[in-house]
Amino acid sequence: MPVDLSALVESYRNYLSHHQVLNAKQLAATRFDQRLKSCPEAARAEAVAFDFLRSRNLEPRLLEDASSGGCDFECRVEEK
């Protein structure tokens, strides 16, 4: 089944908007919107990476340092 990239980006942006409500100082959605305008390929790749991690049940959470830019994720790893 083909992936609708624009829907994936919008879903990720919704996640970031929710995150921004809870962590207003990080400006996650605002910074993503800026990346989407200045370098859309990088912003889309970020959304795809997040979706990939989520599809693997790694429960990615945003772990972004606003002072250094870019997006980082923290994932849960099951111990066996």
N, C-alpha and C. Protein backbone atom coordinates (compact mmCIF):
# COMPACT_ATOMS: atom_id res chain seq x y z
N MET A 1 0.84 -1.17 0.00
CA MET A 1 0.00 0.00 0.00
C MET A 1 0.89 1.25 0.00
N PRO A 2 0.72 2.15 -0.96
CA PRO A 2 1.53 3.36 -1.02
C PRO A 2 1.23 4.30 0.15
N VAL A 3 2.26 5.00 0.58
CA VAL A 3 2.13 5.94 1.68
C VAL A 3 1.85 7.33 1.13
N ASP A 4 0.87 8.00 1.69
CA ASP A 4 0.57 9.38 1.33
C ASP A 4 1.48 10.28 2.16
N LEU A 5 2.54 10.79 1.54
CA LEU A 5 3.54 11.55 2.26
C LEU A 5 2.96 12.80 2.91
N SER A 6 2.06 13.48 2.23
CA SER A 6 1.49 14.69 2.83
C SER A 6 0.66 14.35 4.07
N ALA A 7 -0.04 13.22 4.07
CA ALA A 7 -0.80 12.81 5.24
C ALA A 7 0.14 12.41 6.38
N LEU A 8 1.25 11.77 6.04
CA LEU A 8 2.23 11.38 7.04
C LEU A 8 2.84 12.63 7.70
N VAL A 9 3.18 13.62 6.88
CA VAL A 9 3.75 14.87 7.39
C VAL A 9 2.72 15.57 8.29
N GLU A 10 1.47 15.60 7.87
CA GLU A 10 0.43 16.25 8.68
C GLU A 10 0.21 15.51 10.00
N SER A 11 0.26 14.20 9.97
CA SER A 11 0.12 13.41 11.20
C SER A 11 1.26 13.73 12.16
N TYR A 12 2.47 13.80 11.64
CA TYR A 12 3.63 14.13 12.47
C TYR A 12 3.50 15.55 13.02
N ARG A 13 3.04 16.48 12.19
CA ARG A 13 2.86 17.85 12.65
C ARG A 13 1.83 17.92 13.76
N ASN A 14 0.77 17.12 13.68
CA ASN A 14 -0.22 17.05 14.76
C ASN A 14 0.41 16.57 16.05
N TYR A 15 1.27 15.56 15.95
CA TYR A 15 2.01 15.08 17.13
C TYR A 15 2.83 16.22 17.72
N LEU A 16 3.54 16.95 16.85
CA LEU A 16 4.37 18.05 17.33
C LEU A 16 3.54 19.16 17.96
N SER A 17 2.38 19.43 17.40
CA SER A 17 1.49 20.45 17.97
C SER A 17 1.06 20.06 19.37
N HIS A 18 0.71 18.80 19.54
CA HIS A 18 0.33 18.31 20.87
C HIS A 18 1.53 18.42 21.82
N HIS A 19 2.69 18.03 21.35
CA HIS A 19 3.92 18.12 22.15
C HIS A 19 4.18 19.57 22.55
N GLN A 20 3.96 20.49 21.62
CA GLN A 20 4.22 21.90 21.90
C GLN A 20 3.27 22.44 22.97
N VAL A 21 2.04 21.97 23.00
CA VAL A 21 1.10 22.39 24.05
C VAL A 21 1.65 21.98 25.42
N LEU A 22 2.23 20.79 25.49
CA LEU A 22 2.75 20.28 26.76
C LEU A 22 4.13 20.83 27.10
N ASN A 23 4.89 21.23 26.07
CA ASN A 23 6.27 21.71 26.24
C ASN A 23 6.47 22.96 25.41
N ALA A 24 5.81 24.01 25.79
CA ALA A 24 5.76 25.22 24.96
C ALA A 24 7.13 25.82 24.65
N LYS A 25 8.08 25.69 25.56
CA LYS A 25 9.40 26.29 25.35
C LYS A 25 10.16 25.65 24.20
N GLN A 26 9.85 24.42 23.86
CA GLN A 26 10.57 23.74 22.79
C GLN A 26 10.14 24.19 21.40
N LEU A 27 8.94 24.72 21.26
CA LEU A 27 8.45 25.20 19.97
C LEU A 27 8.55 24.15 18.87
N ALA A 28 8.23 22.91 19.20
CA ALA A 28 8.42 21.80 18.27
C ALA A 28 7.69 21.98 16.95
N ALA A 29 6.41 22.32 17.00
CA ALA A 29 5.64 22.48 15.77
C ALA A 29 6.10 23.70 14.99
N THR A 30 6.41 24.77 15.70
CA THR A 30 6.89 25.99 15.06
C THR A 30 8.20 25.74 14.34
N ARG A 31 9.11 25.05 15.00
CA ARG A 31 10.42 24.76 14.38
C ARG A 31 10.25 23.80 13.19
N PHE A 32 9.32 22.86 13.29
CA PHE A 32 9.07 21.95 12.17
C PHE A 32 8.52 22.73 10.97
N ASP A 33 7.60 23.64 11.23
CA ASP A 33 7.06 24.47 10.15
C ASP A 33 8.17 25.27 9.47
N GLN A 34 9.11 25.77 10.25
CA GLN A 34 10.25 26.50 9.68
C GLN A 34 11.10 25.58 8.81
N ARG A 35 11.35 24.35 9.29
CA ARG A 35 12.12 23.38 8.49
C ARG A 35 11.37 23.02 7.22
N LEU A 36 10.06 22.89 7.33
CA LEU A 36 9.24 22.52 6.17
C LEU A 36 9.34 23.60 5.09
N LYS A 37 9.45 24.85 5.49
CA LYS A 37 9.58 25.95 4.52
C LYS A 37 11.00 26.08 3.99
N SER A 38 12.00 25.95 4.87
CA SER A 38 13.38 26.19 4.45
C SER A 38 14.02 24.98 3.78
N CYS A 39 13.65 23.79 4.20
CA CYS A 39 14.24 22.56 3.64
C CYS A 39 13.20 21.44 3.71
N PRO A 40 12.23 21.47 2.79
CA PRO A 40 11.13 20.51 2.87
C PRO A 40 11.57 19.05 2.85
N GLU A 41 12.65 18.73 2.14
CA GLU A 41 13.11 17.34 2.09
C GLU A 41 13.53 16.86 3.47
N ALA A 42 14.23 17.71 4.21
CA ALA A 42 14.67 17.33 5.55
C ALA A 42 13.48 17.17 6.49
N ALA A 43 12.51 18.07 6.40
CA ALA A 43 11.32 17.98 7.25
C ALA A 43 10.53 16.72 6.94
N ARG A 44 10.38 16.41 5.67
CA ARG A 44 9.65 15.20 5.30
C ARG A 44 10.41 13.95 5.76
N ALA A 45 11.74 13.97 5.65
CA ALA A 45 12.54 12.83 6.11
C ALA A 45 12.38 12.63 7.62
N GLU A 46 12.30 13.72 8.35
CA GLU A 46 12.08 13.66 9.80
C GLU A 46 10.74 12.99 10.10
N ALA A 47 9.71 13.39 9.38
CA ALA A 47 8.38 12.80 9.57
C ALA A 47 8.39 11.32 9.22
N VAL A 48 9.06 10.96 8.14
CA VAL A 48 9.15 9.56 7.72
C VAL A 48 9.92 8.74 8.76
N ALA A 49 11.02 9.29 9.29
CA ALA A 49 11.79 8.58 10.31
C ALA A 49 10.93 8.32 11.55
N PHE A 50 10.18 9.33 11.96
CA PHE A 50 9.31 9.18 13.12
C PHE A 50 8.27 8.08 12.87
N ASP A 51 7.66 8.11 11.69
CA ASP A 51 6.66 7.11 11.35
C ASP A 51 7.27 5.71 11.31
N PHE A 52 8.47 5.60 10.76
CA PHE A 52 9.16 4.30 10.71
C PHE A 52 9.39 3.76 12.12
N LEU A 53 9.90 4.61 13.00
CA LEU A 53 10.16 4.18 14.38
C LEU A 53 8.87 3.76 15.07
N ARG A 54 7.81 4.52 14.83
CA ARG A 54 6.52 4.19 15.42
C ARG A 54 5.98 2.89 14.86
N SER A 55 6.18 2.65 13.57
CA SER A 55 5.68 1.41 12.96
C SER A 55 6.40 0.18 13.48
N ARG A 56 7.58 0.38 14.06
CA ARG A 56 8.35 -0.72 14.63
C ARG A 56 8.12 -0.85 16.14
N ASN A 57 7.07 -0.15 16.62
CA ASN A 57 6.70 -0.18 18.05
C ASN A 57 7.84 0.24 18.97
N LEU A 58 8.62 1.20 18.53
CA LEU A 58 9.72 1.70 19.35
C LEU A 58 9.31 2.91 20.19
N GLU A 59 8.06 3.33 20.06
CA GLU A 59 7.50 4.42 20.84
C GLU A 59 8.41 5.66 20.87
N PRO A 60 8.71 6.22 19.70
CA PRO A 60 9.58 7.40 19.68
C PRO A 60 8.93 8.59 20.38
N ARG A 61 9.75 9.31 21.10
CA ARG A 61 9.32 10.56 21.75
C ARG A 61 10.29 11.64 21.31
N LEU A 62 9.78 12.83 21.22
CA LEU A 62 10.60 13.95 20.81
C LEU A 62 11.58 14.28 21.93
N LEU A 63 12.84 14.40 21.57
CA LEU A 63 13.90 14.75 22.51
C LEU A 63 14.77 15.78 21.80
N GLU A 64 14.20 16.96 21.62
CA GLU A 64 14.84 18.00 20.80
C GLU A 64 15.47 19.05 21.69
N ASP A 65 16.69 19.45 21.35
CA ASP A 65 17.37 20.54 22.03
C ASP A 65 17.25 21.77 21.13
N ALA A 66 16.39 22.69 21.52
CA ALA A 66 16.12 23.86 20.69
C ALA A 66 17.36 24.70 20.44
N SER A 67 18.36 24.63 21.32
CA SER A 67 19.56 25.44 21.14
C SER A 67 20.47 24.90 20.04
N SER A 68 20.37 23.60 19.74
CA SER A 68 21.26 23.03 18.72
C SER A 68 20.56 22.70 17.43
N GLY A 69 19.23 22.83 17.40
CA GLY A 69 18.48 22.61 16.17
C GLY A 69 18.26 21.15 15.86
N GLY A 70 17.51 20.93 14.80
CA GLY A 70 17.24 19.56 14.36
C GLY A 70 16.35 18.82 15.33
N CYS A 71 15.95 17.67 14.92
CA CYS A 71 15.05 16.86 15.74
C CYS A 71 15.75 15.58 16.17
N ASP A 72 15.58 15.23 17.41
CA ASP A 72 16.10 13.98 17.93
C ASP A 72 14.94 13.21 18.53
N PHE A 73 15.05 11.91 18.47
CA PHE A 73 14.04 11.04 19.04
C PHE A 73 14.66 10.14 20.09
N GLU A 74 13.87 9.86 21.10
CA GLU A 74 14.24 8.87 22.09
C GLU A 74 13.26 7.71 21.90
N CYS A 75 13.77 6.50 21.84
CA CYS A 75 12.91 5.34 21.63
C CYS A 75 13.00 4.37 22.80
N ARG A 76 11.93 3.65 22.98
CA ARG A 76 11.90 2.60 23.98
C ARG A 76 12.38 1.32 23.31
N VAL A 77 13.25 0.63 23.99
CA VAL A 77 13.76 -0.64 23.46
C VAL A 77 13.39 -1.73 24.47
N GLU A 78 12.74 -2.76 23.97
CA GLU A 78 12.37 -3.88 24.84
C GLU A 78 13.61 -4.71 25.17
N GLU A 79 13.73 -5.03 26.43
CA GLU A 79 14.81 -5.93 26.84
C GLU A 79 14.30 -7.35 26.80
N LYS A 80 15.13 -8.24 26.31
CA LYS A 80 14.70 -9.64 26.18
C LYS A 80 15.47 -10.51 27.13
